[in-house]
Every structure is written in C-alpha cells, then in structure tokens.
Amino acid sequence: MNKDYKDLLLSLDMSRLPRHVGIIMDGNGRWAKKRKRPRLYGHREGAKSIRQVVELGVELGLQYLTFYTFSTENWNRPEDEVQGLLKLLKERLKKEIPELNKQNIYVQFIGSEINLNPEYLAEIRSVAAKTQNNTGLKINIAFNYGGRLEIIEAIKKLKPEDVNTLTTQDFGRYLWTKEQPDPDLIIRSSGEMRLSNFLLWQSAYSEIYVTDVLWPDFGKVEMIKALLEYQKRSRRYGGLSG
C-alpha cells in the first residue's frame, strides 16, 4: 500500500460516504488503441479495475455499487467485440464467485432480456445466484441495460387503476433497481460528459464526477479521489443550502 493511497484514505470522512455509487466504465477501447492492442484487451484490463473498486467498496463498507457493463446500444458494436464482451463477462463472474462469497458480496444483473440468448442469460443468472445469501456489499451488473428502456418497461407493469395516484416513490418500485436507494454519486471515466442512458430516473439528484482517467487505469486511488470530491459537494435536492 503506497503512501498516496494511505494519505487519501485517511482524508475520507467515513460518516459521509455515499450509500450507492454508479460507475460508467469508459475508455477501455482507447486505452487499448494507445497500446496498439485490440479493444478486447482493454476490456480485459478494465475488469481488473472493477475488482479494485469492489475491494475498496468492501474496505469502506459501501452498500451498493452499480457497474455499467453492457448497454442496449452496445449491440451496434462489431460482432467479434460483442461476443468477446459476453464471453469475458461470463468468465470473470465465474472466476470471482469464490472471492465474492468470501467477502460476503451479493451480485445481481439488472437490465433487459431483449436480444439475449436465453441459455446464456440463464447461465449468468445461475452463476450470480451463488451469491444470493450474502448480506454485505450489493453489486448491480447493469448488463443489456438502457435507462429509457427501463422506464418503458416499468410503465408496462403499471395497472390502469394505479396511474392517477402514482407517485415517484411508487414508480421506483417498478424499476430494475427496486428496493435500492438512488445513486448518490455517478462516476464516469475517460472524460466524456454524458450519462449515456445510465440510471436516468435514479440519477435525478446524483452528484456526477467525471475524470479523464481511462477505465483500465482507474483503481483504488482514483476511486478515493471521486469520493473526496463527492464529500465537498453540498447536496440540496432542489432546495437551498442552510
């Protein structure tokens, strides 16, 4: 553990940590291109960053982490990259199950079933279910996920007689993140200044932190920097500060 990491960790106010952090993991392809390697190489290296963030989440006692792993728009990428991503996700999840259980981490998939091979979907859900009895950090893998589609799917679940009395709290129960707090903090790597269809309903009052660091270079130090920036923010939820 290096000195910078220790110093940053000591700077955190442990009483003001976010309950839920959403992460848009961007920059894997650009990271690989800089090294004249295929894009999938960047995705594999990016998986190591996920592990670092999860390890820190456990260390700090965070409650929820949501990783944007594959969007509904990612199907438009080249077929070999799409298939490589699907294979990588399954491989990494299977490999990490023993450690996830050891650390008492619960994992679930959130997203649509559209375009997914039913056998593949059943397999990855079955693997994730091996963590279902864990009670510690909860990880959402936003896979085949799109915020607009999530809202449409939620609307389809509504009963006509409930529409006139519907509240925002009621509607949240129909989302894929039901029974979870909205993200306090959204982190995006690689410097792009957009949400890219990620947790659109849930992020209404999230603090947003953007870093130029490409995702494969995002580790524990960068995560702590994001948390420190979050702790500087004044969260007013549309009201006035005291």
C-alpha atoms as a PDB file:
ATOM      1  CA  MET A   1       0.000   0.000   0.000  1.00  0.00           C
ATOM      2  CA  ASN A   2       1.636   3.237  -1.119  1.00  0.00           C
ATOM      3  CA  LYS A   3       1.786   6.488   0.830  1.00  0.00           C
ATOM      4  CA  ASP A   4      -0.566   8.367  -1.525  1.00  0.00           C
ATOM      5  CA  TYR A   5      -3.238   5.718  -1.028  1.00  0.00           C
ATOM      6  CA  LYS A   6      -2.872   5.788   2.756  1.00  0.00           C
ATOM      7  CA  ASP A   7      -2.987   9.590   2.881  1.00  0.00           C
ATOM      8  CA  LEU A   8      -6.073   9.758   0.670  1.00  0.00           C
ATOM      9  CA  LEU A   9      -7.804   7.060   2.678  1.00  0.00           C
ATOM     10  CA  LEU A  10      -7.189   8.956   5.912  1.00  0.00           C
ATOM     11  CA  SER A  11      -8.687  12.073   4.302  1.00  0.00           C
ATOM     12  CA  LEU A  12     -12.069  10.404   3.816  1.00  0.00           C
ATOM     13  CA  ASP A  13     -14.890  11.255   6.198  1.00  0.00           C
ATOM     14  CA  MET A  14     -16.230   7.777   6.888  1.00  0.00           C
ATOM     15  CA  SER A  15     -19.509   9.240   8.154  1.00  0.00           C
ATOM     16  CA  ARG A  16     -20.258  10.899   4.778  1.00  0.00           C
ATOM     17  CA  LEU A  17     -19.736   8.097   2.304  1.00  0.00           C
ATOM     18  CA  PRO A  18     -22.349   7.583  -0.441  1.00  0.00           C
ATOM     19  CA  ARG A  19     -24.669   4.647   0.017  1.00  0.00           C
ATOM     20  CA  HIS A  20     -24.858   3.895  -3.695  1.00  0.00           C
ATOM     21  CA  VAL A  21     -22.272   4.616  -6.399  1.00  0.00           C
ATOM     22  CA  GLY A  22     -22.947   4.089 -10.096  1.00  0.00           C
ATOM     23  CA  ILE A  23     -19.983   3.788 -12.452  1.00  0.00           C
ATOM     24  CA  ILE A  24     -19.833   4.328 -16.213  1.00  0.00           C
ATOM     25  CA  MET A  25     -16.689   2.441 -17.151  1.00  0.00           C
ATOM     26  CA  ASP A  26     -15.490   4.208 -20.288  1.00  0.00           C
ATOM     27  CA  GLY A  27     -12.200   4.243 -22.151  1.00  0.00           C
ATOM     28  CA  ASN A  28     -11.236   0.574 -22.483  1.00  0.00           C
ATOM     29  CA  GLY A  29     -11.028   0.778 -26.257  1.00  0.00           C
ATOM     30  CA  ARG A  30      -8.988   3.982 -26.291  1.00  0.00           C
ATOM     31  CA  TRP A  31      -6.661   2.566 -23.655  1.00  0.00           C
ATOM     32  CA  ALA A  32      -6.010  -0.479 -25.848  1.00  0.00           C
ATOM     33  CA  LYS A  33      -5.615   1.609 -29.010  1.00  0.00           C
ATOM     34  CA  LYS A  34      -2.893   3.704 -27.362  1.00  0.00           C
ATOM     35  CA  ARG A  35      -1.003   0.467 -26.794  1.00  0.00           C
ATOM     36  CA  LYS A  36      -1.725  -0.837 -30.310  1.00  0.00           C
ATOM     37  CA  ARG A  37      -3.701  -3.726 -28.881  1.00  0.00           C
ATOM     38  CA  PRO A  38      -7.206  -4.995 -29.769  1.00  0.00           C
ATOM     39  CA  ARG A  39     -10.168  -3.433 -27.985  1.00  0.00           C
ATOM     40  CA  LEU A  40     -10.944  -6.650 -26.126  1.00  0.00           C
ATOM     41  CA  TYR A  41      -7.535  -6.407 -24.467  1.00  0.00           C
ATOM     42  CA  GLY A  42      -8.670  -3.101 -22.994  1.00  0.00           C
ATOM     43  CA  HIS A  43     -11.878  -4.693 -21.727  1.00  0.00           C
ATOM     44  CA  ARG A  44      -9.883  -7.455 -20.025  1.00  0.00           C
ATOM     45  CA  GLU A  45      -7.662  -4.917 -18.315  1.00  0.00           C
ATOM     46  CA  GLY A  46     -10.736  -2.918 -17.336  1.00  0.00           C
ATOM     47  CA  ALA A  47     -12.072  -5.957 -15.486  1.00  0.00           C
ATOM     48  CA  LYS A  48      -9.104  -5.641 -13.125  1.00  0.00           C
ATOM     49  CA  SER A  49     -10.224  -2.101 -12.276  1.00  0.00           C
ATOM     50  CA  ILE A  50     -13.651  -3.427 -11.321  1.00  0.00           C
ATOM     51  CA  ARG A  51     -12.001  -5.754  -8.833  1.00  0.00           C
ATOM     52  CA  GLN A  52     -10.020  -2.883  -7.278  1.00  0.00           C
ATOM     53  CA  VAL A  53     -13.123  -0.751  -6.872  1.00  0.00           C
ATOM     54  CA  VAL A  54     -15.025  -3.660  -5.340  1.00  0.00           C
ATOM     55  CA  GLU A  55     -12.181  -4.354  -2.903  1.00  0.00           C
ATOM     56  CA  LEU A  56     -12.234  -0.727  -1.814  1.00  0.00           C
ATOM     57  CA  GLY A  57     -16.029  -0.823  -1.536  1.00  0.00           C
ATOM     58  CA  VAL A  58     -15.763  -3.711   0.909  1.00  0.00           C
ATOM     59  CA  GLU A  59     -12.984  -1.984   2.838  1.00  0.00           C
ATOM     60  CA  LEU A  60     -15.045   1.197   3.213  1.00  0.00           C
ATOM     61  CA  GLY A  61     -18.334  -0.564   3.869  1.00  0.00           C
ATOM     62  CA  LEU A  62     -20.168   0.843   0.845  1.00  0.00           C
ATOM     63  CA  GLN A  63     -23.674  -0.518   0.430  1.00  0.00           C
ATOM     64  CA  TYR A  64     -24.271  -0.529  -3.342  1.00  0.00           C
ATOM     65  CA  LEU A  65     -22.137  -0.376  -6.488  1.00  0.00           C
ATOM     66  CA  THR A  66     -23.656  -0.405  -9.974  1.00  0.00           C
ATOM     67  CA  PHE A  67     -21.316  -1.088 -12.890  1.00  0.00           C
ATOM     68  CA  TYR A  68     -22.450  -0.197 -16.419  1.00  0.00           C
ATOM     69  CA  THR A  69     -21.017  -3.231 -18.212  1.00  0.00           C
ATOM     70  CA  PHE A  70     -23.036  -3.518 -21.429  1.00  0.00           C
ATOM     71  CA  SER A  71     -25.675  -1.133 -22.746  1.00  0.00           C
ATOM     72  CA  THR A  72     -28.625  -1.823 -25.035  1.00  0.00           C
ATOM     73  CA  GLU A  73     -26.752   0.247 -27.625  1.00  0.00           C
ATOM     74  CA  ASN A  74     -23.590  -1.869 -27.404  1.00  0.00           C
ATOM     75  CA  TRP A  75     -25.158  -4.432 -29.739  1.00  0.00           C
ATOM     76  CA  ASN A  76     -24.236  -1.982 -32.526  1.00  0.00           C
ATOM     77  CA  ARG A  77     -20.530  -2.686 -31.997  1.00  0.00           C
ATOM     78  CA  PRO A  78     -18.628  -5.150 -34.225  1.00  0.00           C
ATOM     79  CA  GLU A  79     -19.815  -8.725 -33.737  1.00  0.00           C
ATOM     80  CA  ASP A  80     -16.426 -10.023 -32.601  1.00  0.00           C
ATOM     81  CA  GLU A  81     -16.236  -7.356 -29.892  1.00  0.00           C
ATOM     82  CA  VAL A  82     -19.785  -8.073 -28.708  1.00  0.00           C
ATOM     83  CA  GLN A  83     -19.164 -11.801 -28.475  1.00  0.00           C
ATOM     84  CA  GLY A  84     -15.836 -11.177 -26.764  1.00  0.00           C
ATOM     85  CA  LEU A  85     -17.537  -8.982 -24.161  1.00  0.00           C
ATOM     86  CA  LEU A  86     -20.226 -11.582 -23.472  1.00  0.00           C
ATOM     87  CA  LYS A  87     -17.603 -14.300 -23.064  1.00  0.00           C
ATOM     88  CA  LEU A  88     -15.441 -12.091 -20.844  1.00  0.00           C
ATOM     89  CA  LEU A  89     -18.350 -11.239 -18.552  1.00  0.00           C
ATOM     90  CA  LYS A  90     -19.236 -14.894 -18.004  1.00  0.00           C
ATOM     91  CA  GLU A  91     -15.615 -15.951 -17.495  1.00  0.00           C
ATOM     92  CA  ARG A  92     -14.846 -13.201 -14.982  1.00  0.00           C
ATOM     93  CA  LEU A  93     -18.010 -13.761 -12.996  1.00  0.00           C
ATOM     94  CA  LYS A  94     -17.359 -17.494 -12.682  1.00  0.00           C
ATOM     95  CA  LYS A  95     -13.774 -16.847 -11.639  1.00  0.00           C
ATOM     96  CA  GLU A  96     -14.737 -14.294  -8.984  1.00  0.00           C
ATOM     97  CA  ILE A  97     -17.529 -16.254  -7.269  1.00  0.00           C
ATOM     98  CA  PRO A  98     -15.311 -17.806  -4.539  1.00  0.00           C
ATOM     99  CA  GLU A  99     -13.880 -14.395  -3.607  1.00  0.00           C
ATOM    100  CA  LEU A 100     -17.282 -12.715  -3.783  1.00  0.00           C
ATOM    101  CA  ASN A 101     -18.681 -15.260  -1.347  1.00  0.00           C
ATOM    102  CA  LYS A 102     -15.654 -14.951   0.897  1.00  0.00           C
ATOM    103  CA  GLN A 103     -16.212 -11.176   1.056  1.00  0.00           C
ATOM    104  CA  ASN A 104     -19.996 -11.585   1.600  1.00  0.00           C
ATOM    105  CA  ILE A 105     -20.791  -9.705  -1.640  1.00  0.00           C
ATOM    106  CA  TYR A 106     -24.199 -10.040  -3.311  1.00  0.00           C
ATOM    107  CA  VAL A 107     -24.330  -9.788  -7.114  1.00  0.00           C
ATOM    108  CA  GLN A 108     -27.327  -9.361  -9.375  1.00  0.00           C
ATOM    109  CA  PHE A 109     -27.930  -8.459 -13.006  1.00  0.00           C
ATOM    110  CA  ILE A 110     -30.174  -5.549 -13.927  1.00  0.00           C
ATOM    111  CA  GLY A 111     -31.256  -4.961 -17.496  1.00  0.00           C
ATOM    112  CA  SER A 112     -33.372  -6.246 -20.352  1.00  0.00           C
ATOM    113  CA  GLU A 113     -33.732  -9.762 -21.739  1.00  0.00           C
ATOM    114  CA  ILE A 114     -34.150  -8.388 -25.287  1.00  0.00           C
ATOM    115  CA  ASN A 115     -31.581  -9.728 -27.818  1.00  0.00           C
ATOM    116  CA  LEU A 116     -30.037 -12.076 -25.244  1.00  0.00           C
ATOM    117  CA  ASN A 117     -29.667 -15.793 -25.848  1.00  0.00           C
ATOM    118  CA  PRO A 118     -31.954 -17.380 -23.201  1.00  0.00           C
ATOM    119  CA  GLU A 119     -29.382 -20.080 -22.394  1.00  0.00           C
ATOM    120  CA  TYR A 120     -26.638 -17.508 -21.880  1.00  0.00           C
ATOM    121  CA  LEU A 121     -28.910 -15.372 -19.693  1.00  0.00           C
ATOM    122  CA  ALA A 122     -29.924 -18.362 -17.593  1.00  0.00           C
ATOM    123  CA  GLU A 123     -26.281 -19.347 -17.150  1.00  0.00           C
ATOM    124  CA  ILE A 124     -25.013 -15.977 -15.933  1.00  0.00           C
ATOM    125  CA  ARG A 125     -28.016 -15.554 -13.644  1.00  0.00           C
ATOM    126  CA  SER A 126     -27.346 -19.000 -12.218  1.00  0.00           C
ATOM    127  CA  VAL A 127     -23.737 -18.063 -11.511  1.00  0.00           C
ATOM    128  CA  ALA A 128     -24.744 -14.772  -9.856  1.00  0.00           C
ATOM    129  CA  ALA A 129     -27.323 -16.642  -7.754  1.00  0.00           C
ATOM    130  CA  LYS A 130     -24.456 -18.357  -5.932  1.00  0.00           C
ATOM    131  CA  THR A 131     -24.098 -15.069  -4.014  1.00  0.00           C
ATOM    132  CA  GLN A 132     -27.785 -14.748  -3.123  1.00  0.00           C
ATOM    133  CA  ASN A 133     -27.308 -15.441   0.580  1.00  0.00           C
ATOM    134  CA  ASN A 134     -24.621 -12.802   1.035  1.00  0.00           C
ATOM    135  CA  THR A 135     -25.539  -9.741   3.082  1.00  0.00           C
ATOM    136  CA  GLY A 136     -22.654  -7.319   2.513  1.00  0.00           C
ATOM    137  CA  LEU A 137     -21.882  -5.030  -0.427  1.00  0.00           C
ATOM    138  CA  LYS A 138     -24.511  -5.324  -3.161  1.00  0.00           C
ATOM    139  CA  ILE A 139     -23.294  -5.140  -6.745  1.00  0.00           C
ATOM    140  CA  ASN A 140     -25.567  -4.451  -9.688  1.00  0.00           C
ATOM    141  CA  ILE A 141     -24.201  -5.536 -13.040  1.00  0.00           C
ATOM    142  CA  ALA A 142     -26.045  -3.289 -15.484  1.00  0.00           C
ATOM    143  CA  PHE A 143     -25.999  -5.665 -18.430  1.00  0.00           C
ATOM    144  CA  ASN A 144     -28.006  -5.144 -21.621  1.00  0.00           C
ATOM    145  CA  TYR A 145     -29.130  -2.076 -19.730  1.00  0.00           C
ATOM    146  CA  GLY A 146     -30.709   1.134 -21.009  1.00  0.00           C
ATOM    147  CA  GLY A 147     -32.282   3.807 -18.842  1.00  0.00           C
ATOM    148  CA  ARG A 148     -35.002   4.726 -21.334  1.00  0.00           C
ATOM    149  CA  LEU A 149     -35.957   1.085 -21.851  1.00  0.00           C
ATOM    150  CA  GLU A 150     -36.060   0.587 -18.077  1.00  0.00           C
ATOM    151  CA  ILE A 151     -38.624   3.385 -17.765  1.00  0.00           C
ATOM    152  CA  ILE A 152     -40.731   1.978 -20.612  1.00  0.00           C
ATOM    153  CA  GLU A 153     -40.637  -1.495 -19.068  1.00  0.00           C
ATOM    154  CA  ALA A 154     -41.701  -0.004 -15.737  1.00  0.00           C
ATOM    155  CA  ILE A 155     -44.662   1.755 -17.344  1.00  0.00           C
ATOM    156  CA  LYS A 156     -45.810  -1.519 -18.894  1.00  0.00           C
ATOM    157  CA  LYS A 157     -46.035  -3.040 -15.401  1.00  0.00           C
ATOM    158  CA  LEU A 158     -48.440  -0.357 -14.162  1.00  0.00           C
ATOM    159  CA  LYS A 159     -52.100  -1.134 -13.672  1.00  0.00           C
ATOM    160  CA  PRO A 160     -54.502   1.394 -15.267  1.00  0.00           C
ATOM    161  CA  GLU A 161     -56.249   1.995 -11.941  1.00  0.00           C
ATOM    162  CA  ASP A 162     -52.955   2.972 -10.295  1.00  0.00           C
ATOM    163  CA  VAL A 163     -51.942   5.685 -12.747  1.00  0.00           C
ATOM    164  CA  ASN A 164     -53.905   8.597 -11.255  1.00  0.00           C
ATOM    165  CA  THR A 165     -52.457   8.086  -7.784  1.00  0.00           C
ATOM    166  CA  LEU A 166     -48.935   7.186  -8.890  1.00  0.00           C
ATOM    167  CA  THR A 167     -46.074   8.871  -7.010  1.00  0.00           C
ATOM    168  CA  THR A 168     -42.365   8.965  -7.826  1.00  0.00           C
ATOM    169  CA  GLN A 169     -41.763   6.616  -4.899  1.00  0.00           C
ATOM    170  CA  ASP A 170     -44.362   4.185  -6.279  1.00  0.00           C
ATOM    171  CA  PHE A 171     -42.804   4.276  -9.742  1.00  0.00           C
ATOM    172  CA  GLY A 172     -39.367   3.447  -8.371  1.00  0.00           C
ATOM    173  CA  ARG A 173     -40.705   0.082  -7.259  1.00  0.00           C
ATOM    174  CA  TYR A 174     -41.207  -0.922 -10.886  1.00  0.00           C
ATOM    175  CA  LEU A 175     -37.614  -0.215 -11.909  1.00  0.00           C
ATOM    176  CA  TRP A 176     -34.822  -2.775 -12.126  1.00  0.00           C
ATOM    177  CA  THR A 177     -33.232  -1.145  -9.065  1.00  0.00           C
ATOM    178  CA  LYS A 178     -36.369  -1.532  -6.944  1.00  0.00           C
ATOM    179  CA  GLU A 179     -35.856  -1.502  -3.174  1.00  0.00           C
ATOM    180  CA  GLN A 180     -32.461   0.158  -3.566  1.00  0.00           C
ATOM    181  CA  PRO A 181     -31.533   3.767  -2.810  1.00  0.00           C
ATOM    182  CA  ASP A 182     -30.895   6.006  -5.788  1.00  0.00           C
ATOM    183  CA  PRO A 183     -27.200   6.532  -6.528  1.00  0.00           C
ATOM    184  CA  ASP A 184     -25.674   9.360  -4.522  1.00  0.00           C
ATOM    185  CA  LEU A 185     -22.731   9.502  -6.900  1.00  0.00           C
ATOM    186  CA  ILE A 186     -22.245   8.706 -10.586  1.00  0.00           C
ATOM    187  CA  ILE A 187     -18.635   8.303 -11.727  1.00  0.00           C
ATOM    188  CA  ARG A 188     -17.615   8.392 -15.375  1.00  0.00           C
ATOM    189  CA  SER A 189     -14.115   7.657 -16.581  1.00  0.00           C
ATOM    190  CA  SER A 190     -12.431   8.860 -19.813  1.00  0.00           C
ATOM    191  CA  GLY A 191     -13.647  12.457 -19.693  1.00  0.00           C
ATOM    192  CA  GLU A 192     -16.916  12.139 -21.605  1.00  0.00           C
ATOM    193  CA  MET A 193     -19.558  14.490 -20.176  1.00  0.00           C
ATOM    194  CA  ARG A 194     -22.745  12.457 -20.569  1.00  0.00           C
ATOM    195  CA  LEU A 195     -24.808   9.797 -18.832  1.00  0.00           C
ATOM    196  CA  SER A 196     -25.134   7.566 -21.912  1.00  0.00           C
ATOM    197  CA  ASN A 197     -28.567   6.234 -20.943  1.00  0.00           C
ATOM    198  CA  PHE A 198     -27.397   5.092 -17.490  1.00  0.00           C
ATOM    199  CA  LEU A 199     -29.773   5.167 -14.495  1.00  0.00           C
ATOM    200  CA  LEU A 200     -31.714   8.082 -15.992  1.00  0.00           C
ATOM    201  CA  TRP A 201     -34.582   8.018 -13.494  1.00  0.00           C
ATOM    202  CA  GLN A 202     -32.447   7.157 -10.492  1.00  0.00           C
ATOM    203  CA  SER A 203     -29.764   9.799 -11.110  1.00  0.00           C
ATOM    204  CA  ALA A 204     -32.121  12.806 -10.910  1.00  0.00           C
ATOM    205  CA  TYR A 205     -30.178  14.209  -7.937  1.00  0.00           C
ATOM    206  CA  SER A 206     -26.967  12.213  -8.110  1.00  0.00           C
ATOM    207  CA  GLU A 207     -23.673  14.024  -7.862  1.00  0.00           C
ATOM    208  CA  ILE A 208     -21.684  13.460 -11.054  1.00  0.00           C
ATOM    209  CA  TYR A 209     -17.917  13.062 -11.112  1.00  0.00           C
ATOM    210  CA  VAL A 210     -16.021  12.859 -14.406  1.00  0.00           C
ATOM    211  CA  THR A 211     -12.347  12.004 -14.666  1.00  0.00           C
ATOM    212  CA  ASP A 212     -10.089  11.955 -17.736  1.00  0.00           C
ATOM    213  CA  VAL A 213      -8.546   8.705 -16.494  1.00  0.00           C
ATOM    214  CA  LEU A 214      -9.346   5.797 -18.815  1.00  0.00           C
ATOM    215  CA  TRP A 215     -11.078   2.921 -17.082  1.00  0.00           C
ATOM    216  CA  PRO A 216      -8.188   0.394 -17.096  1.00  0.00           C
ATOM    217  CA  ASP A 217      -6.132   2.993 -15.184  1.00  0.00           C
ATOM    218  CA  PHE A 218      -8.908   3.609 -12.654  1.00  0.00           C
ATOM    219  CA  GLY A 219      -8.051   1.944  -9.358  1.00  0.00           C
ATOM    220  CA  LYS A 220      -8.430   2.493  -5.640  1.00  0.00           C
ATOM    221  CA  VAL A 221      -6.644   5.867  -5.641  1.00  0.00           C
ATOM    222  CA  GLU A 222      -8.909   7.249  -8.374  1.00  0.00           C
ATOM    223  CA  MET A 223     -11.973   5.907  -6.582  1.00  0.00           C
ATOM    224  CA  ILE A 224     -10.976   7.657  -3.363  1.00  0.00           C
ATOM    225  CA  LYS A 225     -10.435  10.898  -5.298  1.00  0.00           C
ATOM    226  CA  ALA A 226     -14.006  10.621  -6.568  1.00  0.00           C
ATOM    227  CA  LEU A 227     -15.313  10.034  -3.045  1.00  0.00           C
ATOM    228  CA  LEU A 228     -13.350  13.002  -1.704  1.00  0.00           C
ATOM    229  CA  GLU A 229     -14.835  15.226  -4.406  1.00  0.00           C
ATOM    230  CA  TYR A 230     -18.289  13.922  -3.523  1.00  0.00           C
ATOM    231  CA  GLN A 231     -17.727  14.917   0.097  1.00  0.00           C
ATOM    232  CA  LYS A 232     -17.055  18.510  -0.985  1.00  0.00           C
ATOM    233  CA  ARG A 233     -20.475  18.797  -2.616  1.00  0.00           C
ATOM    234  CA  SER A 234     -23.498  20.402  -0.985  1.00  0.00           C
ATOM    235  CA  ARG A 235     -26.496  18.230  -1.769  1.00  0.00           C
ATOM    236  CA  ARG A 236     -29.630  20.403  -1.816  1.00  0.00           C
ATOM    237  CA  TYR A 237     -32.087  18.259  -3.830  1.00  0.00           C
ATOM    238  CA  GLY A 238     -33.571  21.368  -5.422  1.00  0.00           C
ATOM    239  CA  GLY A 239     -33.742  23.350  -2.166  1.00  0.00           C
ATOM    240  CA  LEU A 240     -31.455  25.954  -0.644  1.00  0.00           C
ATOM    241  CA  SER A 241     -28.386  25.284   1.425  1.00  0.00           C
ATOM    242  CA  GLY A 242     -28.615  26.039   5.114  1.00  0.00           C
END
